């Protein structure tokens, strides 16, 4: 006999008890006539107030809609305190994928500003200095962890710079794994959740949503602290 196909008595009994608990008994004839007479004599306003009292516990305040998300593109937003929304750390072998990602992010309604070394670094600038400046002048840092990233000393340097810049800032460092096993995930990032890019389109959307969410929280906290 297969244990998985055998019904569980304890589960069946508890299910029956739960159904009896939820079962509403029918009112007696006296209760039915009393309730019908009350409903006939009640005014629309009293019926409305009764419905409202049933919809929420006594003494509870009316439910409020969640506050609207801050406009991260508004002038004076905390977003504009830095030159870039996202600095992308990647290996040269992943440049084609990164160019697609940057085109996608910059074409979004939020027009996310991305630092791309090949395009935005100052000509003649020292490589390490440019990387450090890009990390400091960006709100978030995307670490595109691929086999090429794991072999590239510059990628490791930029990763450590990002972690040293804001080690406790949740949401700023965004690890993205592609074609890398979980066992090869850098130990320095083990305390951070990552995005696994199995499908390019869904991975791009996750990256966009993560950056926008961080910028919204940044603007919200900045607005509340200034009040």
Protein backbone atom coordinates (compact mmCIF):
# COMPACT_ATOMS: atom_id res chain seq x y z
CA UNK A 1 0.00 0.00 0.00
CA UNK A 2 1.26 3.48 -0.83
CA UNK A 3 1.17 5.75 2.20
CA UNK A 4 0.70 8.87 0.01
CA UNK A 5 -2.59 7.57 -1.41
CA UNK A 6 -4.09 6.66 2.02
CA UNK A 7 -6.44 9.32 3.46
CA UNK A 8 -5.40 10.85 6.78
CA UNK A 9 -8.07 10.44 9.45
CA UNK A 10 -6.75 13.34 11.53
CA UNK A 11 -6.92 15.69 8.54
CA UNK A 12 -10.44 14.50 7.64
CA UNK A 13 -11.68 14.99 11.21
CA UNK A 14 -10.13 18.47 11.50
CA UNK A 15 -11.64 19.44 8.13
CA UNK A 16 -15.10 18.35 9.29
CA UNK A 17 -14.70 20.29 12.54
CA UNK A 18 -13.64 23.39 10.62
CA UNK A 19 -16.67 23.13 8.33
CA UNK A 20 -19.01 22.80 11.33
CA UNK A 21 -17.37 25.86 12.87
CA UNK A 22 -18.03 27.91 9.75
CA UNK A 23 -21.56 26.55 9.27
CA UNK A 24 -24.16 29.14 10.20
CA UNK A 25 -27.24 27.51 11.85
CA UNK A 26 -30.64 28.41 10.44
CA UNK A 27 -32.67 30.73 12.70
CA UNK A 28 -35.82 29.44 14.36
CA UNK A 29 -39.21 30.60 13.13
CA UNK A 30 -39.41 33.22 15.92
CA UNK A 31 -35.98 34.59 15.06
CA UNK A 32 -36.92 34.68 11.38
CA UNK A 33 -40.08 36.69 11.98
CA UNK A 34 -38.27 39.03 14.37
CA UNK A 35 -35.46 39.69 11.92
CA UNK A 36 -37.89 40.23 9.04
CA UNK A 37 -39.95 42.71 11.07
CA UNK A 38 -36.80 44.61 12.04
CA UNK A 39 -35.61 44.80 8.46
CA UNK A 40 -39.03 46.04 7.33
CA UNK A 41 -39.10 48.82 9.92
CA UNK A 42 -35.50 49.95 9.49
CA UNK A 43 -34.76 53.02 7.39
CA UNK A 44 -32.17 53.03 4.57
CA UNK A 45 -29.81 55.06 6.73
CA UNK A 46 -29.96 52.56 9.57
CA UNK A 47 -29.41 49.70 7.13
CA UNK A 48 -26.40 51.52 5.76
CA UNK A 49 -24.96 52.10 9.22
CA UNK A 50 -25.54 48.44 10.10
CA UNK A 51 -23.70 47.37 6.99
CA UNK A 52 -20.82 49.66 7.90
CA UNK A 53 -20.68 48.31 11.44
CA UNK A 54 -20.53 44.77 10.09
CA UNK A 55 -17.79 45.64 7.64
CA UNK A 56 -15.31 46.69 10.34
CA UNK A 57 -14.83 46.03 14.07
CA UNK A 58 -16.46 48.37 16.57
CA UNK A 59 -14.23 51.33 17.35
CA UNK A 60 -11.97 50.71 14.35
CA UNK A 61 -11.15 53.68 12.16
CA UNK A 62 -12.11 53.52 8.46
CA UNK A 63 -9.49 51.82 6.33
CA UNK A 64 -7.24 54.23 4.47
CA UNK A 65 -5.74 53.79 1.07
CA UNK A 66 -1.95 53.38 1.09
CA UNK A 67 -0.07 56.62 0.44
CA UNK A 68 0.80 57.20 -3.21
CA UNK A 69 4.33 56.40 -4.31
CA UNK A 70 6.54 59.49 -4.39
CA UNK A 71 7.31 61.03 -7.75
CA UNK A 72 10.99 60.23 -8.17
CA UNK A 73 11.18 62.53 -11.21
CA UNK A 74 9.93 65.65 -9.42
CA UNK A 75 12.26 68.60 -9.21
CA UNK A 76 13.94 68.75 -5.82
CA UNK A 77 13.68 64.97 -5.43
CA UNK A 78 16.45 63.27 -3.47
CA UNK A 79 17.11 61.30 -6.62
CA UNK A 80 18.94 64.25 -8.17
CA UNK A 81 21.53 64.37 -5.38
CA UNK A 82 23.62 61.90 -7.42
CA UNK A 83 24.45 61.85 -11.10
CA UNK A 84 23.35 58.25 -11.69
CA UNK A 85 20.58 55.97 -10.50
CA UNK A 86 22.51 52.82 -11.30
CA UNK A 87 26.16 51.91 -11.78
CA UNK A 88 26.62 48.65 -13.68
CA UNK A 89 29.61 46.50 -12.81
CA UNK A 90 30.27 43.88 -15.48
CA UNK A 91 32.96 42.03 -17.33
CA UNK A 92 33.88 43.03 -20.89
CA UNK A 93 32.57 39.70 -22.16
CA UNK A 94 29.06 40.67 -21.03
CA UNK A 95 29.04 44.06 -22.74
CA UNK A 96 26.38 43.10 -25.31
CA UNK A 97 23.92 42.06 -22.60
CA UNK A 98 24.69 45.19 -20.57
CA UNK A 99 24.04 47.44 -23.59
CA UNK A 100 20.61 45.82 -23.98
CA UNK A 101 19.91 46.32 -20.27
CA UNK A 102 20.96 49.98 -20.32
CA UNK A 103 18.81 50.65 -23.41
CA UNK A 104 15.85 49.05 -21.63
CA UNK A 105 16.29 50.97 -18.35
CA UNK A 106 16.87 54.34 -19.99
CA UNK A 107 13.77 53.87 -22.18
CA UNK A 108 11.47 53.29 -19.18
CA UNK A 109 9.03 56.03 -18.06
CA UNK A 110 11.35 56.77 -15.13
CA UNK A 111 14.26 57.27 -17.57
CA UNK A 112 16.72 55.60 -15.20
CA UNK A 113 20.21 57.07 -15.47
CA UNK A 114 22.85 54.37 -15.86
CA UNK A 115 26.61 54.66 -15.59
CA UNK A 116 28.27 52.63 -18.29
CA UNK A 117 32.05 52.80 -18.17
CA UNK A 118 32.56 52.44 -21.91
CA UNK A 119 30.28 55.43 -22.51
CA UNK A 120 30.44 57.60 -19.39
CA UNK A 121 34.00 57.34 -18.06
CA UNK A 122 36.19 60.38 -18.73
CA UNK A 123 38.61 59.73 -21.61
CA UNK A 124 42.14 59.46 -20.25
CA UNK A 125 40.87 58.92 -16.69
CA UNK A 126 42.50 56.27 -14.55
CA UNK A 127 40.42 53.08 -14.59
CA UNK A 128 40.27 52.54 -10.85
CA UNK A 129 39.57 56.21 -10.13
CA UNK A 130 36.73 56.25 -12.63
CA UNK A 131 35.22 53.12 -11.07
CA UNK A 132 35.41 54.58 -7.56
CA UNK A 133 33.84 57.86 -8.70
CA UNK A 134 31.04 55.98 -10.45
CA UNK A 135 30.24 54.00 -7.29
CA UNK A 136 30.18 57.13 -5.12
CA UNK A 137 28.02 59.07 -7.58
CA UNK A 138 25.35 56.36 -8.06
CA UNK A 139 22.37 55.47 -5.89
CA UNK A 140 22.44 51.74 -6.70
CA UNK A 141 25.03 49.29 -7.97
CA UNK A 142 24.27 46.36 -10.21
CA UNK A 143 26.74 43.48 -9.94
CA UNK A 144 26.27 41.30 -13.03
CA UNK A 145 27.79 38.07 -11.77
CA UNK A 146 28.72 35.81 -14.66
CA UNK A 147 31.66 33.48 -15.26
CA UNK A 148 33.50 36.48 -16.72
CA UNK A 149 32.77 38.59 -13.64
CA UNK A 150 34.24 35.92 -11.37
CA UNK A 151 37.50 35.96 -13.37
CA UNK A 152 37.84 39.74 -13.65
CA UNK A 153 39.91 41.51 -10.92
CA UNK A 154 38.34 44.88 -11.82
CA UNK A 155 34.87 43.49 -11.17
CA UNK A 156 35.98 42.24 -7.75
CA UNK A 157 37.50 45.64 -6.98
CA UNK A 158 34.30 47.47 -7.91
CA UNK A 159 32.20 45.00 -5.91
CA UNK A 160 34.28 45.67 -2.79
CA UNK A 161 34.05 49.40 -3.38
CA UNK A 162 30.27 49.19 -3.53
CA UNK A 163 30.05 47.14 -0.34
CA UNK A 164 32.42 49.50 1.47
CA UNK A 165 30.47 52.56 0.32
CA UNK A 166 27.26 51.52 2.07
CA UNK A 167 27.53 48.10 3.73
CA UNK A 168 24.13 48.32 5.48
CA UNK A 169 22.12 50.14 2.81
CA UNK A 170 19.46 47.63 1.80
CA UNK A 171 18.64 47.66 -1.89
CA UNK A 172 21.66 49.62 -3.11
CA UNK A 173 23.82 46.65 -4.12
CA UNK A 174 21.86 44.42 -6.51
CA UNK A 175 23.54 41.08 -7.34
CA UNK A 176 22.32 39.49 -10.59
CA UNK A 177 23.37 35.93 -11.35
CA UNK A 178 23.57 34.65 -14.91
CA UNK A 179 25.06 31.33 -15.97
CA UNK A 180 26.60 30.91 -12.50
CA UNK A 181 25.83 28.16 -10.00
CA UNK A 182 24.68 29.06 -6.51
CA UNK A 183 27.85 27.50 -5.08
CA UNK A 184 29.95 30.06 -6.99
CA UNK A 185 28.05 33.05 -5.60
CA UNK A 186 30.72 35.38 -4.09
CA UNK A 187 30.95 34.87 -0.33
CA UNK A 188 31.05 38.64 0.19
CA UNK A 189 27.45 38.81 -1.04
CA UNK A 190 26.00 35.86 0.87
CA UNK A 191 23.94 38.19 3.09
CA UNK A 192 22.20 39.73 0.04
CA UNK A 193 19.35 38.29 -2.00
CA UNK A 194 20.07 38.14 -5.71
CA UNK A 195 18.16 38.18 -8.98
CA UNK A 196 18.63 35.06 -11.08
CA UNK A 197 18.44 36.00 -14.75
CA UNK A 198 17.08 32.85 -16.34
CA UNK A 199 15.00 34.85 -18.82
CA UNK A 200 16.37 38.16 -20.01
CA UNK A 201 13.02 39.99 -20.17
CA UNK A 202 11.89 39.07 -16.65
CA UNK A 203 15.38 39.77 -15.29
CA UNK A 204 15.36 43.26 -16.81
CA UNK A 205 11.96 43.97 -15.23
CA UNK A 206 13.15 42.81 -11.81
CA UNK A 207 16.18 45.08 -12.04
CA UNK A 208 14.03 48.05 -13.02
CA UNK A 209 11.54 47.43 -10.20
CA UNK A 210 14.32 47.07 -7.64
CA UNK A 211 15.96 50.37 -8.59
CA UNK A 212 12.65 52.25 -8.74
CA UNK A 213 11.62 50.85 -5.35
CA UNK A 214 14.88 52.02 -3.79
CA UNK A 215 14.49 55.52 -5.28
CA UNK A 216 10.91 55.73 -4.01
CA UNK A 217 11.99 54.79 -0.50
CA UNK A 218 14.83 57.31 -0.71
CA UNK A 219 12.45 60.10 -1.73
CA UNK A 220 9.88 59.10 0.89
CA UNK A 221 12.39 59.08 3.75
CA UNK A 222 13.92 62.35 2.56
CA UNK A 223 10.48 63.99 2.42
CA UNK A 224 9.46 62.78 5.89
CA UNK A 225 12.74 63.92 7.47
CA UNK A 226 12.36 67.41 6.03
CA UNK A 227 8.85 67.87 7.47
